[in-house]
Protein backbone atom coordinates (compact mmCIF):
# COMPACT_ATOMS: atom_id res chain seq x y z
CA MET A 1 -42.41 -4.08 -6.39
CA SER A 2 -39.29 -2.65 -7.94
CA ASP A 3 -38.18 0.89 -7.30
CA HIS A 4 -39.01 3.61 -9.72
CA PRO A 5 -35.68 5.34 -11.13
CA GLU A 6 -36.07 8.28 -8.81
CA GLN A 7 -36.57 5.99 -5.76
CA LEU A 8 -33.48 3.87 -6.78
CA MET A 9 -31.36 7.01 -6.88
CA VAL A 10 -32.55 8.03 -3.29
CA ARG A 11 -31.83 4.53 -2.17
CA LEU A 12 -28.45 4.59 -3.61
CA GLN A 13 -27.71 7.98 -1.98
CA GLN A 14 -28.65 6.66 1.28
CA GLN A 15 -26.20 3.64 0.82
CA LEU A 16 -23.33 5.98 0.00
CA ALA A 17 -24.20 8.08 3.05
CA GLU A 18 -23.99 5.06 5.21
CA LYS A 19 -20.76 4.09 3.72
CA ARG A 20 -19.33 7.48 4.59
CA ALA A 21 -20.70 7.29 8.19
CA HIS A 22 -18.99 3.99 8.74
CA ASP A 23 -15.66 5.05 7.21
CA LEU A 24 -16.22 2.54 4.40
CA TYR A 25 -16.39 4.98 1.50
CA ARG A 26 -13.75 4.52 -1.28
CA GLN A 27 -12.19 7.25 -3.20
CA ARG A 28 -9.84 7.26 -6.15
CA LYS A 29 -6.44 8.71 -5.99
CA VAL A 30 -5.11 10.65 -9.06
CA ILE A 31 -1.46 9.65 -9.78
CA GLY A 32 0.55 12.34 -11.70
CA SER A 33 3.64 10.16 -12.18
CA PRO A 34 4.78 6.80 -13.58
CA GLN A 35 4.36 3.87 -11.26
CA GLN A 36 7.53 4.09 -8.97
CA VAL A 37 8.14 4.09 -5.29
CA GLU A 38 8.15 7.97 -5.25
CA LEU A 39 4.74 9.04 -6.53
CA LEU A 40 2.91 12.20 -7.27
CA CYS A 41 -0.48 11.48 -5.73
CA ASN A 42 -3.20 14.03 -5.83
CA GLY A 43 -0.65 16.66 -6.50
CA LYS A 44 1.57 15.60 -3.44
CA ALA A 45 4.98 13.82 -3.48
CA LEU A 46 4.69 10.65 -1.58
CA LEU A 47 6.69 7.59 -0.72
CA SER A 48 4.53 4.68 -1.74
CA PHE A 49 4.17 1.34 0.03
CA CYS A 50 0.94 0.13 -1.51
CA SER A 51 1.71 -0.94 -5.07
CA ASN A 52 1.74 -4.46 -6.26
CA ASP A 53 4.86 -3.65 -8.54
CA TYR A 54 6.87 -6.02 -6.47
CA LEU A 55 9.81 -6.22 -8.81
CA GLY A 56 9.83 -2.59 -9.78
CA LEU A 57 9.18 -3.27 -13.57
CA ALA A 58 6.20 -1.06 -14.10
CA ASN A 59 8.39 1.81 -15.27
CA HIS A 60 11.32 -0.34 -16.54
CA PRO A 61 12.85 1.49 -19.56
CA ASP A 62 13.43 -1.90 -21.44
CA ILE A 63 10.05 -2.94 -21.18
CA ALA A 64 8.81 0.49 -22.16
CA ARG A 65 11.07 0.16 -25.37
CA ALA A 66 9.58 -3.13 -26.11
CA MET A 67 6.14 -1.68 -26.00
CA LYS A 68 7.06 1.19 -28.24
CA ARG A 69 8.66 -1.18 -30.75
CA GLY A 70 5.38 -3.29 -30.51
CA ILE A 71 3.45 -0.23 -31.31
CA ASP A 72 5.60 0.65 -34.32
CA ARG A 73 5.18 -2.93 -35.67
CA TRP A 74 1.66 -3.87 -34.55
CA GLY A 75 -0.23 -0.54 -33.99
CA VAL A 76 -2.23 0.22 -30.72
CA GLY A 77 -5.21 -2.14 -30.95
CA SER A 78 -5.72 -5.79 -31.75
CA GLY A 79 -9.08 -5.10 -33.53
CA ALA A 80 -10.95 -8.34 -32.54
CA ALA A 81 -11.10 -11.39 -30.27
CA HIS A 82 -8.38 -13.97 -30.35
CA LEU A 83 -10.54 -16.35 -32.25
CA ILE A 84 -11.17 -13.86 -35.05
CA THR A 85 -8.20 -11.76 -36.00
CA GLY A 86 -6.76 -10.47 -32.66
CA HIS A 87 -4.29 -13.26 -32.01
CA THR A 88 -0.93 -12.08 -33.26
CA ALA A 89 2.43 -13.79 -33.59
CA ALA A 90 3.43 -11.67 -30.50
CA HIS A 91 0.66 -13.17 -28.38
CA HIS A 92 1.54 -16.68 -29.47
CA ALA A 93 5.29 -16.31 -28.76
CA PHE A 94 4.62 -14.95 -25.26
CA GLU A 95 2.44 -17.83 -24.40
CA GLU A 96 4.96 -20.40 -25.66
CA GLU A 97 7.74 -18.66 -23.72
CA LEU A 98 5.57 -18.58 -20.60
CA ALA A 99 4.72 -22.24 -20.86
CA GLU A 100 8.39 -23.24 -21.22
CA TRP A 101 9.46 -21.13 -18.22
CA LEU A 102 6.75 -22.60 -16.04
CA GLY A 103 7.28 -26.11 -17.10
CA ARG A 104 3.68 -26.47 -18.51
CA GLU A 105 2.63 -27.73 -21.89
CA ARG A 106 0.58 -24.53 -22.74
CA ALA A 107 -0.41 -21.19 -21.43
CA LEU A 108 -3.29 -18.95 -22.46
CA LEU A 109 -3.21 -15.20 -22.14
CA PHE A 110 -6.33 -13.43 -20.69
CA SER A 111 -6.96 -9.75 -20.57
CA THR A 112 -7.42 -9.57 -16.77
CA GLY A 113 -7.10 -11.90 -13.71
CA TYR A 114 -10.77 -11.32 -12.99
CA MET A 115 -11.69 -12.66 -16.37
CA ALA A 116 -9.21 -15.58 -16.19
CA ASN A 117 -10.79 -16.74 -12.86
CA ILE A 118 -14.40 -16.30 -13.99
CA GLY A 119 -13.65 -18.01 -17.24
CA VAL A 120 -11.75 -20.98 -15.88
CA ILE A 121 -14.11 -21.80 -13.11
CA SER A 122 -17.10 -21.68 -15.44
CA ALA A 123 -15.52 -23.70 -18.16
CA LEU A 124 -14.34 -26.49 -15.89
CA THR A 125 -17.42 -27.01 -13.82
CA ARG A 126 -20.91 -27.92 -14.55
CA ARG A 127 -24.12 -28.77 -12.71
CA GLY A 128 -23.66 -31.75 -10.36
CA ASP A 129 -19.90 -31.01 -9.80
CA GLN A 130 -18.53 -29.74 -6.35
CA LEU A 131 -16.36 -26.75 -6.03
CA PHE A 132 -14.26 -26.04 -2.84
CA GLU A 133 -12.58 -22.63 -2.02
CA ASP A 134 -10.65 -20.98 0.69
CA ARG A 135 -12.76 -18.55 2.51
CA LEU A 136 -10.00 -15.77 1.98
CA ASN A 137 -9.72 -16.36 -1.72
CA HIS A 138 -9.73 -13.31 -3.91
CA ALA A 139 -13.08 -11.76 -4.87
CA SER A 140 -12.69 -12.94 -8.51
CA LEU A 141 -12.35 -16.60 -7.37
CA ILE A 142 -15.35 -16.22 -5.07
CA ASP A 143 -17.34 -14.62 -7.86
CA GLY A 144 -16.36 -17.33 -10.26
CA GLY A 145 -17.57 -19.91 -7.78
CA LEU A 146 -20.87 -18.04 -7.37
CA ALA A 147 -21.35 -17.76 -11.10
CA SER A 148 -20.62 -21.50 -11.77
CA ALA A 149 -23.20 -24.13 -11.88
CA ALA A 150 -21.37 -26.37 -9.43
CA ALA A 151 -22.29 -26.93 -5.71
CA PHE A 152 -20.17 -24.23 -3.88
CA HIS A 153 -18.40 -25.11 -0.69
CA ARG A 154 -16.13 -22.79 1.28
CA TYR A 155 -13.47 -24.07 3.88
CA ARG A 156 -11.84 -22.12 6.73
CA HIS A 157 -8.65 -20.31 5.71
CA ALA A 158 -5.82 -22.66 4.98
CA ASP A 159 -7.67 -25.48 6.95
CA THR A 160 -6.99 -28.48 4.83
CA ALA A 161 -8.38 -30.91 7.52
CA MET A 162 -11.84 -29.15 7.06
CA LEU A 163 -11.40 -29.41 3.23
CA ASP A 164 -10.56 -33.14 3.57
CA GLY A 165 -13.82 -33.56 5.58
CA GLN A 166 -15.84 -31.75 2.90
CA LEU A 167 -14.35 -33.68 0.10
CA ARG A 168 -15.09 -36.97 2.05
CA ALA A 169 -18.60 -35.97 2.57
CA VAL A 170 -19.34 -35.45 -1.30
CA GLU A 171 -20.44 -38.60 -3.01
CA SER A 172 -21.18 -37.45 -6.60
CA GLY A 173 -19.77 -35.06 -9.31
CA ASN A 174 -16.27 -34.01 -10.27
CA ARG A 175 -14.35 -32.12 -7.53
CA MET A 176 -12.45 -28.85 -8.02
CA VAL A 177 -10.34 -27.05 -5.23
CA VAL A 178 -9.40 -23.42 -5.73
CA SER A 179 -7.01 -21.44 -3.69
CA ASP A 180 -4.88 -18.19 -3.85
CA GLY A 181 -1.20 -19.05 -3.82
CA VAL A 182 -0.33 -15.97 -1.85
CA PHE A 183 -3.37 -14.32 -0.08
CA SER A 184 -3.58 -10.80 -1.33
CA MET A 185 -4.78 -9.04 2.02
CA ASP A 186 -2.90 -11.34 4.52
CA GLY A 187 0.28 -11.96 2.71
CA ASP A 188 0.51 -15.65 3.86
CA MET A 189 0.92 -18.63 1.50
CA ALA A 190 -1.53 -21.58 0.74
CA PRO A 191 -0.57 -24.84 2.30
CA LEU A 192 0.55 -26.30 -1.12
CA PRO A 193 1.91 -29.53 0.16
CA GLN A 194 -1.20 -30.57 2.07
CA LEU A 195 -3.49 -29.13 -0.70
CA THR A 196 -1.80 -31.27 -3.35
CA ALA A 197 -1.94 -34.28 -1.17
CA CYS A 198 -5.56 -33.82 -0.40
CA CYS A 199 -6.48 -33.29 -3.87
CA GLU A 200 -4.60 -36.51 -5.01
CA GLN A 201 -6.34 -38.60 -2.30
CA HIS A 202 -9.72 -37.35 -3.33
CA ASP A 203 -9.25 -37.14 -7.13
CA ALA A 204 -9.84 -33.41 -7.08
CA LEU A 205 -8.65 -30.96 -9.75
CA LEU A 206 -6.50 -28.14 -8.03
CA MET A 207 -6.48 -24.54 -9.32
CA ILE A 208 -3.95 -22.10 -7.84
CA ASP A 209 -4.25 -18.33 -8.40
CA ASP A 210 -0.60 -17.23 -8.02
CA ALA A 211 -1.13 -13.49 -8.70
CA HIS A 212 0.94 -12.32 -5.78
CA GLY A 213 3.56 -15.20 -5.94
CA ILE A 214 4.51 -15.15 -9.65
CA GLY A 215 7.81 -13.34 -10.20
CA VAL A 216 8.54 -13.17 -6.50
CA LEU A 217 8.81 -16.62 -5.08
CA GLY A 218 10.80 -19.62 -6.15
CA LYS A 219 13.76 -20.11 -8.44
CA GLN A 220 13.59 -17.59 -11.33
CA GLY A 221 10.38 -16.25 -9.87
CA VAL A 222 8.34 -19.25 -11.02
CA GLY A 223 6.08 -18.69 -7.91
CA CYS A 224 4.56 -20.82 -5.24
CA SER A 225 4.23 -23.64 -7.57
CA ALA A 226 7.98 -23.93 -7.89
CA GLY A 227 8.83 -27.62 -7.35
CA TYR A 228 5.32 -28.85 -8.23
CA THR A 229 4.45 -30.75 -11.40
CA GLN A 230 1.64 -29.94 -13.78
CA GLN A 231 -0.05 -33.06 -12.52
CA GLN A 232 0.11 -31.82 -9.00
CA VAL A 233 -1.07 -28.31 -9.77
CA PRO A 234 -3.08 -28.90 -13.13
CA VAL A 235 -4.55 -25.36 -13.36
CA LEU A 236 -2.08 -22.56 -12.67
CA MET A 237 -3.32 -18.98 -13.04
CA ALA A 238 -1.45 -15.64 -12.24
CA THR A 239 -1.73 -12.03 -13.30
CA LEU A 240 0.96 -9.91 -15.19
CA GLY A 241 0.28 -6.48 -13.84
CA LYS A 242 1.95 -6.98 -10.50
CA ALA A 243 5.52 -8.52 -10.40
CA PHE A 244 5.55 -8.50 -14.19
CA GLY A 245 4.83 -4.73 -14.25
CA VAL A 246 2.58 -4.82 -17.30
CA PHE A 247 -1.04 -6.07 -17.67
CA GLY A 248 -3.09 -9.13 -18.25
CA ALA A 249 -3.14 -12.61 -16.77
CA PHE A 250 -2.64 -16.30 -17.78
CA VAL A 251 -3.55 -19.74 -17.30
CA ALA A 252 -1.09 -22.60 -17.76
CA GLY A 253 -1.55 -26.37 -17.82
CA SER A 254 -1.98 -29.25 -20.14
CA GLU A 255 -2.84 -29.17 -23.83
CA THR A 256 -6.27 -30.50 -22.99
CA LEU A 257 -6.93 -27.72 -20.41
CA ILE A 258 -5.89 -24.92 -22.64
CA GLU A 259 -7.85 -26.19 -25.65
CA THR A 260 -10.86 -26.61 -23.39
CA LEU A 261 -10.58 -22.89 -22.28
CA ILE A 262 -10.17 -21.83 -25.83
CA GLN A 263 -13.47 -23.54 -26.68
CA ASP A 264 -15.49 -22.85 -23.52
CA ALA A 265 -14.04 -19.92 -21.40
CA ARG A 266 -16.64 -17.28 -22.39
CA SER A 267 -14.61 -14.41 -20.71
CA TRP A 268 -11.82 -15.16 -23.05
CA ILE A 269 -13.78 -16.04 -26.23
CA TYR A 270 -16.16 -13.00 -26.19
CA THR A 271 -13.68 -10.13 -25.53
CA THR A 272 -11.17 -8.18 -27.71
CA ALA A 273 -7.65 -9.53 -27.38
CA PRO A 274 -5.10 -7.33 -25.65
CA PRO A 275 -2.83 -5.20 -27.89
CA ALA A 276 0.05 -7.09 -29.44
CA ALA A 277 2.34 -4.27 -28.22
CA MET A 278 1.42 -5.38 -24.59
CA ALA A 279 2.39 -9.04 -25.48
CA GLU A 280 5.82 -7.66 -26.71
CA ALA A 281 6.22 -5.77 -23.30
CA LEU A 282 5.39 -8.93 -21.50
CA ARG A 283 8.01 -10.99 -23.52
CA GLU A 284 10.61 -8.45 -22.35
CA ALA A 285 9.25 -8.55 -18.67
CA LEU A 286 9.61 -12.27 -18.67
CA LYS A 287 13.30 -12.04 -19.60
CA ILE A 288 13.90 -9.75 -16.65
CA VAL A 289 11.76 -11.72 -14.31
CA ILE A 290 13.95 -14.65 -15.08
CA SER A 291 17.37 -13.04 -15.10
CA ASP A 292 17.25 -10.43 -12.30
CA GLU A 293 17.50 -12.60 -9.25
CA TRP A 294 18.93 -9.60 -7.46
CA ARG A 295 15.39 -8.13 -7.41
CA ARG A 296 14.05 -11.09 -5.33
CA ASP A 297 17.05 -11.10 -3.04
CA HIS A 298 16.69 -7.45 -2.44
CA LEU A 299 13.04 -7.91 -1.75
CA ARG A 300 13.71 -10.53 0.88
CA GLN A 301 16.28 -8.22 2.74
CA LEU A 302 13.84 -5.34 2.69
CA ILE A 303 11.00 -7.63 4.18
CA SER A 304 13.36 -9.07 6.92
CA ARG A 305 14.50 -5.49 7.87
CA PHE A 306 10.88 -4.35 8.18
CA ARG A 307 9.75 -7.23 9.98
CA GLN A 308 12.63 -7.02 12.54
CA GLY A 309 12.09 -3.17 13.03
CA ALA A 310 8.33 -3.77 13.44
CA GLY A 311 8.81 -6.41 15.93
CA GLN A 312 11.11 -4.21 18.01
CA LEU A 313 8.32 -1.56 17.97
CA GLY A 314 5.67 -4.12 18.97
CA LEU A 315 3.56 -3.36 15.93
CA PRO A 316 0.65 -5.78 15.14
CA LEU A 317 2.05 -7.35 11.95
CA MET A 318 0.26 -10.48 10.58
CA PRO A 319 2.68 -13.48 9.94
CA SER A 320 3.90 -13.03 6.25
CA GLU A 321 7.16 -13.65 4.55
CA THR A 322 5.93 -12.08 1.21
CA PRO A 323 6.17 -8.42 0.04
CA ILE A 324 2.55 -8.08 1.57
CA GLN A 325 2.94 -6.94 5.20
CA PRO A 326 -0.50 -6.32 6.84
CA LEU A 327 -0.52 -4.03 9.93
CA VAL A 328 -3.84 -4.68 11.71
CA ALA A 329 -5.71 -1.79 13.08
CA GLY A 330 -9.02 -3.50 13.87
CA ASP A 331 -11.74 -0.99 13.09
CA ALA A 332 -12.07 1.10 9.91
CA ASP A 333 -11.83 4.41 11.55
CA ARG A 334 -8.36 3.53 13.11
CA ALA A 335 -6.96 2.22 9.76
CA LEU A 336 -7.99 5.50 8.05
CA ARG A 337 -6.33 7.74 10.89
CA TRP A 338 -3.13 5.56 10.50
CA SER A 339 -3.22 6.05 6.71
CA HIS A 340 -3.95 9.75 7.02
CA ALA A 341 -1.10 10.16 9.51
CA LEU A 342 1.37 8.33 7.29
CA ALA A 343 0.43 10.83 4.48
CA GLU A 344 1.26 13.56 6.89
CA HIS A 345 4.72 12.05 7.07
CA GLY A 346 4.93 11.86 3.30
CA ILE A 347 4.20 8.09 2.98
CA LEU A 348 1.38 6.39 1.06
CA VAL A 349 -0.16 3.25 2.48
CA THR A 350 -3.81 2.42 1.72
CA ALA A 351 -6.29 1.51 4.61
CA ILE A 352 -8.05 -1.70 3.69
CA ARG A 353 -11.43 -2.03 5.24
CA PRO A 354 -14.53 -4.19 5.05
CA PRO A 355 -15.94 -5.92 2.79
CA THR A 356 -12.48 -6.33 1.35
CA VAL A 357 -11.32 -7.82 4.68
CA PRO A 358 -13.45 -9.41 7.30
CA GLN A 359 -15.22 -7.27 10.02
CA ASP A 360 -12.91 -5.87 12.68
CA SER A 361 -9.72 -6.58 10.76
CA ALA A 362 -9.19 -3.34 8.78
CA ARG A 363 -5.53 -2.90 8.35
CA LEU A 364 -2.73 -1.07 6.51
CA ARG A 365 -1.56 -3.21 3.61
CA ILE A 366 2.09 -2.39 3.38
CA THR A 367 3.78 -3.70 0.24
CA PHE A 368 7.44 -3.61 -0.83
CA SER A 369 9.15 -3.26 -4.13
CA ALA A 370 12.60 -4.13 -5.29
CA THR A 371 13.03 -0.44 -5.94
CA HIS A 372 12.61 0.51 -2.31
CA THR A 373 15.80 1.02 -0.39
CA ALA A 374 16.86 0.29 3.18
CA ALA A 375 16.50 3.98 3.92
CA HIS A 376 12.91 3.95 2.68
CA VAL A 377 12.18 1.03 5.18
CA ASP A 378 13.70 2.96 7.95
CA ARG A 379 11.71 6.11 7.15
CA LEU A 380 8.47 4.11 7.19
CA LEU A 381 9.40 2.41 10.55
CA GLU A 382 10.18 5.97 12.01
CA ALA A 383 6.90 7.31 10.96
CA LEU A 384 5.08 4.20 12.23
CA GLU A 385 6.79 4.56 15.61
CA GLN A 386 5.52 8.25 16.01
CA ILE A 387 2.09 7.36 14.92
CA GLN A 388 2.11 4.38 17.49
CA ARG A 389 3.21 6.85 20.28
CA GLN A 390 0.38 9.41 19.25
CA ASP A 391 -2.27 6.66 19.00
CA HIS A 392 -1.77 5.42 22.61
C-alpha cells in the first residue's frame, strides 16, 4: 500500500532528520563572486580549493568577451532542440574544431555530462548486451548502466584482471566497457593500457569518461586518451564545465558513432540545444586550452609542492598525480570537522561523505587550479598542520 501525501511528507522529514544525525545532510553554499580561487562564500571571503576549474578559465576575460559577442549575434536562447532549429553554425563549428583537436572523425555537443552518459549508454546497448563498469565510476555512468537494457556487471576499481574474467565468462551479446579516465573522488587514473588491451582481446567497445582529464592531461590538454587512437578508445566523452571553464559536454568518435547518437540518444534528441553564445565561448576556451601549456605546467608544480608538503606532515593523502588530491578522514563527522576548521582559517574545502564515496572513506577533496599560487599552497599546508595538531 502506498503512502498518502501526508504520510509521505512525514517519511521524508524522518529521512532528512536521519541524514542530519549522521552528518550526511547536504547544504548549498551561496557564492557572491565570479568563479576564482578567492571566493565570496555565504558572505565570507575564502580561499577555495574545491572547484573543478582546473585551468582557471571560468572567469577568463577572453572567454567572457566571446560569450558576449555570441549573445549580440545569436541572442540568449537556442529556441529548440538540435534537430529542430536549435543547431547553429556556432555549435557546428565547435564540434568540428573539437573533433580535429582530439583526432576523432566527429564530435557531438551535449548539454551536460550526465545527459551525455545516460544517452550514450542507452543508445549503444540493448537487451542481451553486456555492460561492464568500474565500481568507482561517476554516478552518471552507473545510472546509465542501471537505466540500460543490457546486463550490468561491475568490476573492482581498476581491476582489469577481474574485468578480463568477467568478459571471458560472458558468451552472448555485444560487450561494452565503461570507465572514468580520472576518477573524480580519488584523483587516480584508469589503467588505460590494460583496458584497451582487454577490450581488443574480447572484442569489447571501450567508453572513457574523461571529465577530469580533458584540458589537464596530455599534450595540448587532449586528456588521458592522448596517444590512443579512435580505434583503441572508440567512445570518448568529457565535460566542458571543468578545465574548459564553461558548460556542457561532448562525445567524440567515428562518423557511425555520432550519427547513431543523433538518431538514438534520447537525452540529446529530446532537449533544447545549449545557447549558441555558449558554443562561441567554448570555441574561445578551446583555443586557450590548446595554447596555454603554462597552465598545465603550473598545475603540475602546485600538485608536486602540495604532495611534498603533505608527505612531510604525514597527512593521509590518497595516491594521485592529478589536480584532485583527496585527504582521507574516514568518518563523516571528522571530515566535516576538518572542513569547518579550514573555513576558520579562511580556506574553503568541501567534505565529501557517503553515499558519494564508500562508507568509512569520507574525505576532503582538495583541488587545484592554474590560478593558485605557491603561496596559496603553503597557506593550505600551514592550516592543515594546525588542524592535524589539534585533532590528535
